[in-house]
Amino acid sequence: MAALERSLFLLAGSFAICRLDKNATVPDWAKSEELFSVTRTTDELSIVCSQEDIPQGTDCETGWRCLKVESPFEFDLTGAIASIAAPLAEADVPLFVVATQDSDYLMVKETDLERTILTLSQAGHQVNRRQR
């Protein structure tokens, strides 16, 4: 596998990207065991989490699927996300990336999942449909 080719693993379930008031506390419904990400800025509290327990009326975009990029990789490695994002941009697939110190997570809409997997496979990445 070339340096910028990656293995990705499909996570189970559907996810949402929620926007809460900048002063809100992190709600318990957002804290799933599989994956949740919280980012607070001066403008908002942004949460990525399982869409399963989100209360109705919450400002969220639902219907996202998540592919975990095999990791870890070094901080000085350049182009890892670009090698995934570029072919998806060419295929007109919108994406949302969540990054942690050890892993990157690629969020795509459920309706774009099959096209995403095909596009990434054609770009030389390995996509494991076995949900982890």
C-alpha atoms as a PDB file:
ATOM      1  CA  MET A   1       0.000   0.000   0.000  1.00  0.00           C
ATOM      2  CA  ALA A   2       1.443   3.391  -0.974  1.00  0.00           C
ATOM      3  CA  ALA A   3       2.092   5.993   1.710  1.00  0.00           C
ATOM      4  CA  LEU A   4      -1.161   7.901   1.199  1.00  0.00           C
ATOM      5  CA  GLU A   5      -3.422   4.939   0.575  1.00  0.00           C
ATOM      6  CA  ARG A   6      -5.516   4.198   3.638  1.00  0.00           C
ATOM      7  CA  SER A   7      -7.730   1.514   5.094  1.00  0.00           C
ATOM      8  CA  LEU A   8     -11.122   2.699   6.273  1.00  0.00           C
ATOM      9  CA  PHE A   9     -13.697   0.918   8.426  1.00  0.00           C
ATOM     10  CA  LEU A  10     -17.425   1.566   8.344  1.00  0.00           C
ATOM     11  CA  LEU A  11     -18.845   2.234  11.810  1.00  0.00           C
ATOM     12  CA  ALA A  12     -22.267   0.883  12.714  1.00  0.00           C
ATOM     13  CA  GLY A  13     -25.271   3.152  12.893  1.00  0.00           C
ATOM     14  CA  SER A  14     -26.160   6.607  11.701  1.00  0.00           C
ATOM     15  CA  PHE A  15     -24.807   9.855  13.069  1.00  0.00           C
ATOM     16  CA  ALA A  16     -25.899  13.469  13.326  1.00  0.00           C
ATOM     17  CA  ILE A  17     -24.124  16.795  13.381  1.00  0.00           C
ATOM     18  CA  CYS A  18     -25.797  19.078  15.917  1.00  0.00           C
ATOM     19  CA  ARG A  19     -25.440  22.748  16.665  1.00  0.00           C
ATOM     20  CA  LEU A  20     -26.328  23.966  20.129  1.00  0.00           C
ATOM     21  CA  ASP A  21     -26.105  27.360  21.784  1.00  0.00           C
ATOM     22  CA  LYS A  22     -22.526  28.382  22.555  1.00  0.00           C
ATOM     23  CA  ASN A  23     -23.328  28.397  26.299  1.00  0.00           C
ATOM     24  CA  ALA A  24     -25.145  25.042  26.392  1.00  0.00           C
ATOM     25  CA  THR A  25     -23.817  22.181  28.479  1.00  0.00           C
ATOM     26  CA  VAL A  26     -22.975  18.944  26.707  1.00  0.00           C
ATOM     27  CA  PRO A  27     -26.196  16.904  26.919  1.00  0.00           C
ATOM     28  CA  ASP A  28     -26.176  13.307  28.123  1.00  0.00           C
ATOM     29  CA  TRP A  29     -27.905  12.117  24.920  1.00  0.00           C
ATOM     30  CA  ALA A  30     -24.796  13.080  22.938  1.00  0.00           C
ATOM     31  CA  LYS A  31     -22.430  10.852  24.887  1.00  0.00           C
ATOM     32  CA  SER A  32     -22.547   7.575  23.004  1.00  0.00           C
ATOM     33  CA  GLU A  33     -19.946   4.889  23.589  1.00  0.00           C
ATOM     34  CA  GLU A  34     -19.025   4.369  19.917  1.00  0.00           C
ATOM     35  CA  LEU A  35     -18.180   7.905  18.814  1.00  0.00           C
ATOM     36  CA  PHE A  36     -19.047  11.400  19.874  1.00  0.00           C
ATOM     37  CA  SER A  37     -17.140  14.605  19.312  1.00  0.00           C
ATOM     38  CA  VAL A  38     -17.704  17.936  21.013  1.00  0.00           C
ATOM     39  CA  THR A  39     -16.292  21.247  19.807  1.00  0.00           C
ATOM     40  CA  ARG A  40     -17.009  24.548  21.475  1.00  0.00           C
ATOM     41  CA  THR A  41     -16.209  27.845  19.778  1.00  0.00           C
ATOM     42  CA  THR A  42     -17.184  31.411  20.569  1.00  0.00           C
ATOM     43  CA  ASP A  43     -20.166  30.907  18.224  1.00  0.00           C
ATOM     44  CA  GLU A  44     -21.528  27.448  18.979  1.00  0.00           C
ATOM     45  CA  LEU A  45     -21.349  24.064  20.630  1.00  0.00           C
ATOM     46  CA  SER A  46     -21.017  21.518  17.825  1.00  0.00           C
ATOM     47  CA  ILE A  47     -21.645  17.829  18.519  1.00  0.00           C
ATOM     48  CA  VAL A  48     -21.230  14.774  16.316  1.00  0.00           C
ATOM     49  CA  CYS A  49     -22.975  11.753  17.826  1.00  0.00           C
ATOM     50  CA  SER A  50     -25.276   8.819  17.210  1.00  0.00           C
ATOM     51  CA  GLN A  51     -28.597  10.113  15.950  1.00  0.00           C
ATOM     52  CA  GLU A  52     -30.462   7.484  17.936  1.00  0.00           C
ATOM     53  CA  ASP A  53     -31.236   9.449  21.126  1.00  0.00           C
ATOM     54  CA  ILE A  54     -31.349  13.060  19.925  1.00  0.00           C
ATOM     55  CA  PRO A  55     -34.477  14.808  21.182  1.00  0.00           C
ATOM     56  CA  GLN A  56     -36.885  16.085  18.563  1.00  0.00           C
ATOM     57  CA  GLY A  57     -36.484  19.796  17.869  1.00  0.00           C
ATOM     58  CA  THR A  58     -32.693  19.772  18.282  1.00  0.00           C
ATOM     59  CA  ASP A  59     -30.854  21.676  15.534  1.00  0.00           C
ATOM     60  CA  CYS A  60     -29.238  18.677  13.808  1.00  0.00           C
ATOM     61  CA  GLU A  61     -28.515  17.273  10.412  1.00  0.00           C
ATOM     62  CA  THR A  62     -29.098  13.535  10.542  1.00  0.00           C
ATOM     63  CA  GLY A  63     -28.363  10.696   8.136  1.00  0.00           C
ATOM     64  CA  TRP A  64     -24.559  10.646   8.268  1.00  0.00           C
ATOM     65  CA  ARG A  65     -22.461   7.470   8.105  1.00  0.00           C
ATOM     66  CA  CYS A  66     -18.946   7.272   9.466  1.00  0.00           C
ATOM     67  CA  LEU A  67     -15.775   5.712   8.071  1.00  0.00           C
ATOM     68  CA  LYS A  68     -12.857   5.466  10.474  1.00  0.00           C
ATOM     69  CA  VAL A  69      -9.486   6.023   8.829  1.00  0.00           C
ATOM     70  CA  GLU A  70      -7.001   3.374   9.971  1.00  0.00           C
ATOM     71  CA  SER A  71      -4.487   5.004  12.263  1.00  0.00           C
ATOM     72  CA  PRO A  72      -2.490   6.190  14.096  1.00  0.00           C
ATOM     73  CA  PHE A  73      -0.213   8.173  11.870  1.00  0.00           C
ATOM     74  CA  GLU A  74       2.403  10.779  12.626  1.00  0.00           C
ATOM     75  CA  PHE A  75       1.545  14.474  13.012  1.00  0.00           C
ATOM     76  CA  ASP A  76       4.093  15.404  10.350  1.00  0.00           C
ATOM     77  CA  LEU A  77       2.452  13.196   7.711  1.00  0.00           C
ATOM     78  CA  THR A  78       0.964  15.449   5.067  1.00  0.00           C
ATOM     79  CA  GLY A  79      -1.746  14.661   2.569  1.00  0.00           C
ATOM     80  CA  ALA A  80      -3.499  11.818   4.396  1.00  0.00           C
ATOM     81  CA  ILE A  81      -6.919  13.475   4.462  1.00  0.00           C
ATOM     82  CA  ALA A  82      -6.317  15.114   1.081  1.00  0.00           C
ATOM     83  CA  SER A  83      -5.788  11.677  -0.465  1.00  0.00           C
ATOM     84  CA  ILE A  84      -9.315  10.802   0.688  1.00  0.00           C
ATOM     85  CA  ALA A  85     -11.011  14.186   0.242  1.00  0.00           C
ATOM     86  CA  ALA A  86      -9.713  14.932  -3.273  1.00  0.00           C
ATOM     87  CA  PRO A  87     -11.313  11.949  -5.047  1.00  0.00           C
ATOM     88  CA  LEU A  88     -14.555  12.536  -3.138  1.00  0.00           C
ATOM     89  CA  ALA A  89     -14.569  16.199  -4.171  1.00  0.00           C
ATOM     90  CA  GLU A  90     -14.056  15.141  -7.786  1.00  0.00           C
ATOM     91  CA  ALA A  91     -17.008  12.744  -7.402  1.00  0.00           C
ATOM     92  CA  ASP A  92     -19.087  15.580  -5.883  1.00  0.00           C
ATOM     93  CA  VAL A  93     -19.475  13.787  -2.529  1.00  0.00           C
ATOM     94  CA  PRO A  94     -19.869  16.188   0.428  1.00  0.00           C
ATOM     95  CA  LEU A  95     -17.972  15.204   3.556  1.00  0.00           C
ATOM     96  CA  PHE A  96     -17.396  16.243   7.131  1.00  0.00           C
ATOM     97  CA  VAL A  97     -14.193  15.244   8.903  1.00  0.00           C
ATOM     98  CA  VAL A  98     -13.751  14.694  12.629  1.00  0.00           C
ATOM     99  CA  ALA A  99     -10.148  14.407  13.799  1.00  0.00           C
ATOM    100  CA  THR A 100      -8.672  13.264  17.078  1.00  0.00           C
ATOM    101  CA  GLN A 101      -5.060  12.843  18.109  1.00  0.00           C
ATOM    102  CA  ASP A 102      -5.036   9.197  16.995  1.00  0.00           C
ATOM    103  CA  SER A 103      -7.777   8.890  14.369  1.00  0.00           C
ATOM    104  CA  ASP A 104      -9.665  10.631  11.599  1.00  0.00           C
ATOM    105  CA  TYR A 105     -13.326   9.968  10.895  1.00  0.00           C
ATOM    106  CA  LEU A 106     -14.922  10.671   7.542  1.00  0.00           C
ATOM    107  CA  MET A 107     -18.624  11.491   7.690  1.00  0.00           C
ATOM    108  CA  VAL A 108     -20.695  11.138   4.511  1.00  0.00           C
ATOM    109  CA  LYS A 109     -24.424  11.216   3.985  1.00  0.00           C
ATOM    110  CA  GLU A 110     -26.133   7.817   3.954  1.00  0.00           C
ATOM    111  CA  THR A 111     -27.340   8.544   0.420  1.00  0.00           C
ATOM    112  CA  ASP A 112     -23.693   8.940  -0.708  1.00  0.00           C
ATOM    113  CA  LEU A 113     -22.265   5.901   1.096  1.00  0.00           C
ATOM    114  CA  GLU A 114     -22.118   3.493  -1.851  1.00  0.00           C
ATOM    115  CA  ARG A 115     -20.638   6.159  -4.145  1.00  0.00           C
ATOM    116  CA  THR A 116     -18.118   7.024  -1.429  1.00  0.00           C
ATOM    117  CA  ILE A 117     -16.975   3.415  -1.054  1.00  0.00           C
ATOM    118  CA  LEU A 118     -16.670   2.970  -4.824  1.00  0.00           C
ATOM    119  CA  THR A 119     -14.779   6.256  -5.270  1.00  0.00           C
ATOM    120  CA  LEU A 120     -12.336   5.542  -2.449  1.00  0.00           C
ATOM    121  CA  SER A 121     -11.745   1.980  -3.676  1.00  0.00           C
ATOM    122  CA  GLN A 122     -11.014   3.268  -7.169  1.00  0.00           C
ATOM    123  CA  ALA A 123      -8.541   5.757  -5.636  1.00  0.00           C
ATOM    124  CA  GLY A 124      -6.592   2.862  -4.080  1.00  0.00           C
ATOM    125  CA  HIS A 125      -7.986   2.922  -0.547  1.00  0.00           C
ATOM    126  CA  GLN A 126      -9.324  -0.203   1.159  1.00  0.00           C
ATOM    127  CA  VAL A 127     -12.816   0.143   2.562  1.00  0.00           C
ATOM    128  CA  ASN A 128     -13.933  -2.512   5.023  1.00  0.00           C
ATOM    129  CA  ARG A 129     -17.721  -2.770   5.149  1.00  0.00           C
ATOM    130  CA  ARG A 130     -17.522  -4.948   8.249  1.00  0.00           C
ATOM    131  CA  GLN A 131     -18.861  -2.561  10.805  1.00  0.00           C
ATOM    132  CA  ARG A 132     -16.665  -2.049  13.862  1.00  0.00           C
END
